Amino acid sequence: MKALILNSGLGHRMGDITKTHPKCMTEISEKDTILSHQLKLVAEKGLREVVMTTGYYDEVLVEYCHSLGLPLEYTFIKNPIYDKTNYIYSIYCAREALRDDDIIMMHGDLVFEAHVFDAVLNSPRSCMTVSSTLPLPEKDFKAVIHGDKIEKVGIEFFDDAMAAQPLYKLCREDWAVWLDKICEFCETDNRKCYAENAFNQVSDKCNIYTLDFKDALCGEIDTPEDLGVISAWLARVEPV
């Protein structure tokens, strides 16, 4: 099993916070950045291989990862046109490092509790984190669900939907279907959409189920306001 962490974005909505480093290197506590928090959990749970897409300040990011001294093997893959594409193209750039294995995929600005990550890792089937208790966000991901199977993911869906976060376990058979569709999108110059747009076209063959984290911490940091909320939340659930 490999961890795939998507870190090619510009993070413009963070303002001055991301002037000198990628968003994932933003501090969320006295001891951690978003990325160090993710990587420490990855290492603690016994994963060893990390595929990380890069773009903005890629050299700074690579040096930072190595400086953490964690028992992880990194494969860094730069999206050469990170400022003109979405992360669907970053995944496409990394495709050869991602075939024929189970994948834990997460966005590089996502903060989550250890027990949420445990549940994802231990799922016997492909899953995506959702919340049955949080209100539907206006502008962030929602998952359309029938039974406990996810049929569509996007920001535009509100009916039969739950709030969703981009933390996935993808068993190799399901991931192969999704990755092939991602490649098809990118090879036909459809590179500015979400990777989930490709999933939505093959969800009948790519079986991803819900993993309900309810009121636990699992959220993205897109703005300085998000940073304040999630840092305070993290301090409550993982006190120093």
C-alpha atoms as a PDB file:
ATOM      1  CA  MET A   1       0.000   0.000   0.000  1.00  0.00           C
ATOM      2  CA  LYS A   2       1.211   3.491  -0.897  1.00  0.00           C
ATOM      3  CA  ALA A   3       0.200   6.919   0.337  1.00  0.00           C
ATOM      4  CA  LEU A   4      -0.496   9.511  -2.365  1.00  0.00           C
ATOM      5  CA  ILE A   5      -0.349  13.102  -1.130  1.00  0.00           C
ATOM      6  CA  LEU A   6      -1.340  15.845  -3.568  1.00  0.00           C
ATOM      7  CA  ASN A   7       0.779  18.957  -3.018  1.00  0.00           C
ATOM      8  CA  SER A   8       0.984  20.734  -6.369  1.00  0.00           C
ATOM      9  CA  GLY A   9      -1.415  23.593  -5.640  1.00  0.00           C
ATOM     10  CA  LEU A  10      -0.611  27.278  -5.311  1.00  0.00           C
ATOM     11  CA  GLY A  11      -2.594  27.980  -2.131  1.00  0.00           C
ATOM     12  CA  HIS A  12      -3.369  31.566  -3.141  1.00  0.00           C
ATOM     13  CA  ARG A  13      -6.346  31.802  -0.773  1.00  0.00           C
ATOM     14  CA  MET A  14      -3.952  31.597   2.192  1.00  0.00           C
ATOM     15  CA  GLY A  15      -2.508  35.032   1.367  1.00  0.00           C
ATOM     16  CA  ASP A  16       0.932  35.845   2.786  1.00  0.00           C
ATOM     17  CA  ILE A  17       1.081  32.509   4.650  1.00  0.00           C
ATOM     18  CA  THR A  18       2.122  30.737   1.447  1.00  0.00           C
ATOM     19  CA  LYS A  19       4.499  33.363   0.077  1.00  0.00           C
ATOM     20  CA  THR A  20       7.622  31.304   0.779  1.00  0.00           C
ATOM     21  CA  HIS A  21       6.457  27.676   0.959  1.00  0.00           C
ATOM     22  CA  PRO A  22       3.662  25.362  -0.190  1.00  0.00           C
ATOM     23  CA  LYS A  23       0.416  25.391   1.774  1.00  0.00           C
ATOM     24  CA  CYS A  24       1.114  21.957   3.243  1.00  0.00           C
ATOM     25  CA  MET A  25       4.030  23.435   5.211  1.00  0.00           C
ATOM     26  CA  THR A  26       1.705  25.783   7.127  1.00  0.00           C
ATOM     27  CA  GLU A  27       2.052  25.391  10.897  1.00  0.00           C
ATOM     28  CA  ILE A  28      -1.023  23.988  12.665  1.00  0.00           C
ATOM     29  CA  SER A  29       0.515  23.577  16.132  1.00  0.00           C
ATOM     30  CA  GLU A  30       3.742  24.231  18.021  1.00  0.00           C
ATOM     31  CA  LYS A  31       5.133  20.909  16.797  1.00  0.00           C
ATOM     32  CA  ASP A  32       3.534  20.288  13.415  1.00  0.00           C
ATOM     33  CA  THR A  33       2.714  21.564   9.985  1.00  0.00           C
ATOM     34  CA  ILE A  34      -0.168  20.116   7.966  1.00  0.00           C
ATOM     35  CA  LEU A  35       2.300  17.870   6.155  1.00  0.00           C
ATOM     36  CA  SER A  36       4.326  16.726   9.155  1.00  0.00           C
ATOM     37  CA  HIS A  37       1.083  15.784  10.906  1.00  0.00           C
ATOM     38  CA  GLN A  38       0.057  13.688   7.891  1.00  0.00           C
ATOM     39  CA  LEU A  39       3.451  12.061   7.419  1.00  0.00           C
ATOM     40  CA  LYS A  40       3.869  11.173  11.088  1.00  0.00           C
ATOM     41  CA  LEU A  41       0.525   9.354  11.008  1.00  0.00           C
ATOM     42  CA  VAL A  42       1.499   7.595   7.780  1.00  0.00           C
ATOM     43  CA  ALA A  43       4.760   6.414   9.347  1.00  0.00           C
ATOM     44  CA  GLU A  44       3.182   5.454  12.682  1.00  0.00           C
ATOM     45  CA  LYS A  45       0.663   3.224  10.933  1.00  0.00           C
ATOM     46  CA  GLY A  46       3.383   1.270   9.154  1.00  0.00           C
ATOM     47  CA  LEU A  47       3.162   2.644   5.621  1.00  0.00           C
ATOM     48  CA  ARG A  48       6.564   3.147   4.041  1.00  0.00           C
ATOM     49  CA  GLU A  49       6.033   4.411   0.495  1.00  0.00           C
ATOM     50  CA  VAL A  50       4.826   7.944  -0.157  1.00  0.00           C
ATOM     51  CA  VAL A  51       4.184   9.326  -3.622  1.00  0.00           C
ATOM     52  CA  MET A  52       3.948  13.106  -3.430  1.00  0.00           C
ATOM     53  CA  THR A  53       3.024  15.419  -6.265  1.00  0.00           C
ATOM     54  CA  THR A  54       4.735  18.795  -6.174  1.00  0.00           C
ATOM     55  CA  GLY A  55       4.664  22.092  -8.017  1.00  0.00           C
ATOM     56  CA  TYR A  56       4.847  25.375  -6.119  1.00  0.00           C
ATOM     57  CA  TYR A  57       8.163  25.619  -4.201  1.00  0.00           C
ATOM     58  CA  ASP A  58       8.906  21.988  -4.982  1.00  0.00           C
ATOM     59  CA  GLU A  59      12.551  22.087  -3.863  1.00  0.00           C
ATOM     60  CA  VAL A  60      11.581  23.595  -0.515  1.00  0.00           C
ATOM     61  CA  LEU A  61       9.002  20.838  -0.085  1.00  0.00           C
ATOM     62  CA  VAL A  62      11.409  18.011  -0.911  1.00  0.00           C
ATOM     63  CA  GLU A  63      14.042  19.317   1.504  1.00  0.00           C
ATOM     64  CA  TYR A  64      11.438  19.718   4.229  1.00  0.00           C
ATOM     65  CA  CYS A  65      10.178  16.141   3.887  1.00  0.00           C
ATOM     66  CA  HIS A  66      13.677  14.733   4.222  1.00  0.00           C
ATOM     67  CA  SER A  67      14.386  16.983   7.208  1.00  0.00           C
ATOM     68  CA  LEU A  68      11.626  15.281   9.204  1.00  0.00           C
ATOM     69  CA  GLY A  69      13.722  12.110   9.468  1.00  0.00           C
ATOM     70  CA  LEU A  70      10.777   9.738   9.163  1.00  0.00           C
ATOM     71  CA  PRO A  71      11.174   6.103   8.016  1.00  0.00           C
ATOM     72  CA  LEU A  72       9.508   6.778   4.680  1.00  0.00           C
ATOM     73  CA  GLU A  73      10.537   6.271   1.059  1.00  0.00           C
ATOM     74  CA  TYR A  74       9.491   9.239  -1.051  1.00  0.00           C
ATOM     75  CA  THR A  75       8.770   9.482  -4.753  1.00  0.00           C
ATOM     76  CA  PHE A  76       8.385  13.162  -5.665  1.00  0.00           C
ATOM     77  CA  ILE A  77       6.718  13.941  -8.980  1.00  0.00           C
ATOM     78  CA  LYS A  78       6.411  17.527 -10.146  1.00  0.00           C
ATOM     79  CA  ASN A  79       3.477  18.704 -12.187  1.00  0.00           C
ATOM     80  CA  PRO A  80       5.332  20.934 -14.677  1.00  0.00           C
ATOM     81  CA  ILE A  81       2.203  22.980 -15.386  1.00  0.00           C
ATOM     82  CA  TYR A  82       0.841  23.065 -11.832  1.00  0.00           C
ATOM     83  CA  ASP A  83      -0.271  26.683 -12.266  1.00  0.00           C
ATOM     84  CA  LYS A  84      -2.402  25.850 -15.314  1.00  0.00           C
ATOM     85  CA  THR A  85      -3.992  22.534 -14.271  1.00  0.00           C
ATOM     86  CA  ASN A  86      -5.850  20.925 -11.410  1.00  0.00           C
ATOM     87  CA  TYR A  87      -4.675  17.945  -9.353  1.00  0.00           C
ATOM     88  CA  ILE A  88      -6.191  15.535 -11.867  1.00  0.00           C
ATOM     89  CA  TYR A  89      -3.142  16.287 -14.007  1.00  0.00           C
ATOM     90  CA  SER A  90      -0.777  15.873 -11.058  1.00  0.00           C
ATOM     91  CA  ILE A  91      -2.149  12.359 -10.590  1.00  0.00           C
ATOM     92  CA  TYR A  92      -1.680  11.749 -14.300  1.00  0.00           C
ATOM     93  CA  CYS A  93       1.968  12.829 -14.039  1.00  0.00           C
ATOM     94  CA  ALA A  94       2.436  10.301 -11.221  1.00  0.00           C
ATOM     95  CA  ARG A  95       0.480   7.482 -12.884  1.00  0.00           C
ATOM     96  CA  GLU A  96       3.393   5.080 -13.373  1.00  0.00           C
ATOM     97  CA  ALA A  97       4.229   5.213  -9.661  1.00  0.00           C
ATOM     98  CA  LEU A  98       0.638   4.478  -8.702  1.00  0.00           C
ATOM     99  CA  ARG A  99      -0.326   1.404 -10.674  1.00  0.00           C
ATOM    100  CA  ASP A 100      -0.843  -2.099  -9.264  1.00  0.00           C
ATOM    101  CA  ASP A 101      -1.148  -1.191  -5.608  1.00  0.00           C
ATOM    102  CA  ASP A 102      -3.682  -0.146  -3.002  1.00  0.00           C
ATOM    103  CA  ILE A 103      -3.579   3.618  -2.466  1.00  0.00           C
ATOM    104  CA  ILE A 104      -4.310   5.926   0.452  1.00  0.00           C
ATOM    105  CA  MET A 105      -5.006   9.254  -1.271  1.00  0.00           C
ATOM    106  CA  MET A 106      -5.257  12.597   0.483  1.00  0.00           C
ATOM    107  CA  HIS A 107      -5.071  16.259  -0.351  1.00  0.00           C
ATOM    108  CA  GLY A 108      -2.057  18.030   1.069  1.00  0.00           C
ATOM    109  CA  ASP A 109      -4.141  20.548   3.028  1.00  0.00           C
ATOM    110  CA  LEU A 110      -6.181  17.953   4.943  1.00  0.00           C
ATOM    111  CA  VAL A 111      -5.946  17.568   8.732  1.00  0.00           C
ATOM    112  CA  PHE A 112      -7.483  14.530  10.413  1.00  0.00           C
ATOM    113  CA  GLU A 113      -7.436  12.669  13.701  1.00  0.00           C
ATOM    114  CA  ALA A 114      -5.462   9.473  14.114  1.00  0.00           C
ATOM    115  CA  HIS A 115      -8.561   7.338  14.675  1.00  0.00           C
ATOM    116  CA  VAL A 116     -10.074   8.594  11.413  1.00  0.00           C
ATOM    117  CA  PHE A 117      -6.923   7.561   9.583  1.00  0.00           C
ATOM    118  CA  ASP A 118      -7.014   4.180  11.357  1.00  0.00           C
ATOM    119  CA  ALA A 119     -10.556   3.587  10.150  1.00  0.00           C
ATOM    120  CA  VAL A 120      -9.602   4.418   6.570  1.00  0.00           C
ATOM    121  CA  LEU A 121      -6.571   2.116   6.651  1.00  0.00           C
ATOM    122  CA  ASN A 122      -8.542  -0.743   8.175  1.00  0.00           C
ATOM    123  CA  SER A 123     -11.463  -0.534   5.774  1.00  0.00           C
ATOM    124  CA  PRO A 124     -11.797  -3.837   3.878  1.00  0.00           C
ATOM    125  CA  ARG A 125     -13.065  -1.984   0.815  1.00  0.00           C
ATOM    126  CA  SER A 126     -12.460   1.269  -1.024  1.00  0.00           C
ATOM    127  CA  CYS A 127     -13.825   4.219   0.932  1.00  0.00           C
ATOM    128  CA  MET A 128     -14.045   7.999   1.162  1.00  0.00           C
ATOM    129  CA  THR A 129     -14.475   9.976   4.371  1.00  0.00           C
ATOM    130  CA  VAL A 130     -17.906  11.583   4.785  1.00  0.00           C
ATOM    131  CA  SER A 131     -19.857  13.061   7.672  1.00  0.00           C
ATOM    132  CA  SER A 132     -23.488  12.237   8.385  1.00  0.00           C
ATOM    133  CA  THR A 133     -23.682  14.939  11.067  1.00  0.00           C
ATOM    134  CA  LEU A 134     -21.937  18.000   9.622  1.00  0.00           C
ATOM    135  CA  PRO A 135     -23.997  20.410   7.499  1.00  0.00           C
ATOM    136  CA  LEU A 136     -23.535  20.323   3.736  1.00  0.00           C
ATOM    137  CA  PRO A 137     -20.918  22.898   2.725  1.00  0.00           C
ATOM    138  CA  GLU A 138     -21.808  25.396   0.035  1.00  0.00           C
ATOM    139  CA  LYS A 139     -18.531  25.317  -1.887  1.00  0.00           C
ATOM    140  CA  ASP A 140     -16.718  22.136  -0.810  1.00  0.00           C
ATOM    141  CA  PHE A 141     -17.054  18.474  -1.691  1.00  0.00           C
ATOM    142  CA  LYS A 142     -20.278  16.579  -1.221  1.00  0.00           C
ATOM    143  CA  ALA A 143     -20.761  12.884  -1.966  1.00  0.00           C
ATOM    144  CA  VAL A 144     -23.985  11.592  -3.484  1.00  0.00           C
ATOM    145  CA  ILE A 145     -24.798   8.338  -1.709  1.00  0.00           C
ATOM    146  CA  HIS A 146     -27.206   5.489  -2.329  1.00  0.00           C
ATOM    147  CA  GLY A 147     -27.118   2.847   0.338  1.00  0.00           C
ATOM    148  CA  ASP A 148     -23.537   3.250   1.501  1.00  0.00           C
ATOM    149  CA  LYS A 149     -22.034   3.481  -1.986  1.00  0.00           C
ATOM    150  CA  ILE A 150     -20.749   6.750  -3.405  1.00  0.00           C
ATOM    151  CA  GLU A 151     -22.128   7.561  -6.851  1.00  0.00           C
ATOM    152  CA  LYS A 152     -20.823  11.085  -7.411  1.00  0.00           C
ATOM    153  CA  VAL A 153     -18.456  13.537  -5.753  1.00  0.00           C
ATOM    154  CA  GLY A 154     -18.374  17.274  -6.407  1.00  0.00           C
ATOM    155  CA  ILE A 155     -19.131  20.715  -5.075  1.00  0.00           C
ATOM    156  CA  GLU A 156     -22.395  21.011  -7.004  1.00  0.00           C
ATOM    157  CA  PHE A 157     -24.370  18.105  -5.506  1.00  0.00           C
ATOM    158  CA  PHE A 158     -26.867  18.622  -2.673  1.00  0.00           C
ATOM    159  CA  ASP A 159     -29.538  15.930  -3.064  1.00  0.00           C
ATOM    160  CA  ASP A 160     -28.919  12.558  -1.363  1.00  0.00           C
ATOM    161  CA  ALA A 161     -25.537  13.948  -0.319  1.00  0.00           C
ATOM    162  CA  MET A 162     -23.200  14.175   2.674  1.00  0.00           C
ATOM    163  CA  ALA A 163     -20.273  16.460   3.412  1.00  0.00           C
ATOM    164  CA  ALA A 164     -17.145  14.708   2.126  1.00  0.00           C
ATOM    165  CA  GLN A 165     -13.394  15.087   2.495  1.00  0.00           C
ATOM    166  CA  PRO A 166     -10.663  13.930   0.072  1.00  0.00           C
ATOM    167  CA  LEU A 167      -9.216  11.130   2.203  1.00  0.00           C
ATOM    168  CA  TYR A 168      -9.596   7.801   0.422  1.00  0.00           C
ATOM    169  CA  LYS A 169      -8.600   4.196   0.633  1.00  0.00           C
ATOM    170  CA  LEU A 170      -8.589   2.804  -2.911  1.00  0.00           C
ATOM    171  CA  CYS A 171      -8.214  -0.919  -3.425  1.00  0.00           C
ATOM    172  CA  ARG A 172      -6.159  -1.627  -6.512  1.00  0.00           C
ATOM    173  CA  GLU A 173      -9.041  -2.947  -8.642  1.00  0.00           C
ATOM    174  CA  ASP A 174     -11.153   0.154  -8.035  1.00  0.00           C
ATOM    175  CA  TRP A 175      -8.175   2.499  -8.337  1.00  0.00           C
ATOM    176  CA  ALA A 176      -7.215   0.995 -11.709  1.00  0.00           C
ATOM    177  CA  VAL A 177     -10.644   1.904 -13.092  1.00  0.00           C
ATOM    178  CA  TRP A 178     -10.472   5.468 -11.781  1.00  0.00           C
ATOM    179  CA  LEU A 179      -6.852   5.987 -12.851  1.00  0.00           C
ATOM    180  CA  ASP A 180      -7.603   4.830 -16.395  1.00  0.00           C
ATOM    181  CA  LYS A 181     -10.396   7.396 -16.621  1.00  0.00           C
ATOM    182  CA  ILE A 182      -8.105  10.100 -15.193  1.00  0.00           C
ATOM    183  CA  CYS A 183      -5.607   9.272 -17.952  1.00  0.00           C
ATOM    184  CA  GLU A 184      -8.350   9.467 -20.562  1.00  0.00           C
ATOM    185  CA  PHE A 185      -9.403  12.894 -19.303  1.00  0.00           C
ATOM    186  CA  CYS A 186      -5.867  14.271 -19.316  1.00  0.00           C
ATOM    187  CA  GLU A 187      -4.989  12.814 -22.707  1.00  0.00           C
ATOM    188  CA  THR A 188      -8.002  14.608 -24.191  1.00  0.00           C
ATOM    189  CA  ASP A 189      -6.890  17.916 -22.619  1.00  0.00           C
ATOM    190  CA  ASN A 190      -9.430  17.827 -19.790  1.00  0.00           C
ATOM    191  CA  ARG A 191      -6.908  18.817 -17.124  1.00  0.00           C
ATOM    192  CA  LYS A 192      -8.520  21.642 -15.141  1.00  0.00           C
ATOM    193  CA  CYS A 193     -11.325  19.718 -13.452  1.00  0.00           C
ATOM    194  CA  TYR A 194     -11.282  17.642 -10.297  1.00  0.00           C
ATOM    195  CA  ALA A 195     -10.115  14.039 -10.430  1.00  0.00           C
ATOM    196  CA  GLU A 196     -13.555  13.247  -9.043  1.00  0.00           C
ATOM    197  CA  ASN A 197     -15.098  14.342 -12.353  1.00  0.00           C
ATOM    198  CA  ALA A 198     -13.412  11.296 -13.854  1.00  0.00           C
ATOM    199  CA  PHE A 199     -14.636   9.099 -10.994  1.00  0.00           C
ATOM    200  CA  ASN A 200     -18.212  10.242 -11.582  1.00  0.00           C
ATOM    201  CA  GLN A 201     -18.122   8.702 -15.060  1.00  0.00           C
ATOM    202  CA  VAL A 202     -17.011   5.266 -13.798  1.00  0.00           C
ATOM    203  CA  SER A 203     -18.589   5.056 -10.343  1.00  0.00           C
ATOM    204  CA  ASP A 204     -20.627   2.048 -11.457  1.00  0.00           C
ATOM    205  CA  LYS A 205     -17.340   0.135 -11.905  1.00  0.00           C
ATOM    206  CA  CYS A 206     -15.212   1.868  -9.244  1.00  0.00           C
ATOM    207  CA  ASN A 207     -16.823   0.805  -5.974  1.00  0.00           C
ATOM    208  CA  ILE A 208     -16.142   3.400  -3.287  1.00  0.00           C
ATOM    209  CA  TYR A 209     -18.122   3.303  -0.043  1.00  0.00           C
ATOM    210  CA  THR A 210     -18.705   5.771   2.760  1.00  0.00           C
ATOM    211  CA  LEU A 211     -16.586   5.972   5.884  1.00  0.00           C
ATOM    212  CA  ASP A 212     -18.504   8.186   8.289  1.00  0.00           C
ATOM    213  CA  PHE A 213     -16.257  10.244  10.571  1.00  0.00           C
ATOM    214  CA  LYS A 214     -19.274  12.123  11.987  1.00  0.00           C
ATOM    215  CA  ASP A 215     -18.016  14.907  14.306  1.00  0.00           C
ATOM    216  CA  ALA A 216     -14.332  13.939  14.316  1.00  0.00           C
ATOM    217  CA  LEU A 217     -11.665  16.235  12.915  1.00  0.00           C
ATOM    218  CA  CYS A 218     -11.217  15.752   9.184  1.00  0.00           C
ATOM    219  CA  GLY A 219     -11.072  18.985   7.253  1.00  0.00           C
ATOM    220  CA  GLU A 220      -9.177  21.001   4.671  1.00  0.00           C
ATOM    221  CA  ILE A 221      -7.401  24.301   5.246  1.00  0.00           C
ATOM    222  CA  ASP A 222      -8.109  26.640   2.346  1.00  0.00           C
ATOM    223  CA  THR A 223      -8.059  30.042   4.066  1.00  0.00           C
ATOM    224  CA  PRO A 224      -6.527  31.710   7.140  1.00  0.00           C
ATOM    225  CA  GLU A 225      -9.955  31.376   8.763  1.00  0.00           C
ATOM    226  CA  ASP A 226      -9.885  27.602   8.199  1.00  0.00           C
ATOM    227  CA  LEU A 227      -6.401  27.531   9.708  1.00  0.00           C
ATOM    228  CA  GLY A 228      -7.634  29.144  12.908  1.00  0.00           C
ATOM    229  CA  VAL A 229     -10.613  26.809  13.236  1.00  0.00           C
ATOM    230  CA  ILE A 230      -8.725  23.590  12.527  1.00  0.00           C
ATOM    231  CA  SER A 231      -5.686  24.508  14.634  1.00  0.00           C
ATOM    232  CA  ALA A 232      -7.981  25.144  17.618  1.00  0.00           C
ATOM    233  CA  TRP A 233      -9.852  21.893  16.937  1.00  0.00           C
ATOM    234  CA  LEU A 234      -6.594  19.950  16.723  1.00  0.00           C
ATOM    235  CA  ALA A 235      -5.442  21.415  20.039  1.00  0.00           C
ATOM    236  CA  ARG A 236      -8.611  20.079  21.676  1.00  0.00           C
ATOM    237  CA  VAL A 237      -8.371  16.535  20.288  1.00  0.00           C
ATOM    238  CA  GLU A 238      -4.565  16.155  20.312  1.00  0.00           C
ATOM    239  CA  PRO A 239      -3.294  18.308  23.185  1.00  0.00           C
ATOM    240  CA  VAL A 240       0.455  18.813  23.430  1.00  0.00           C
END
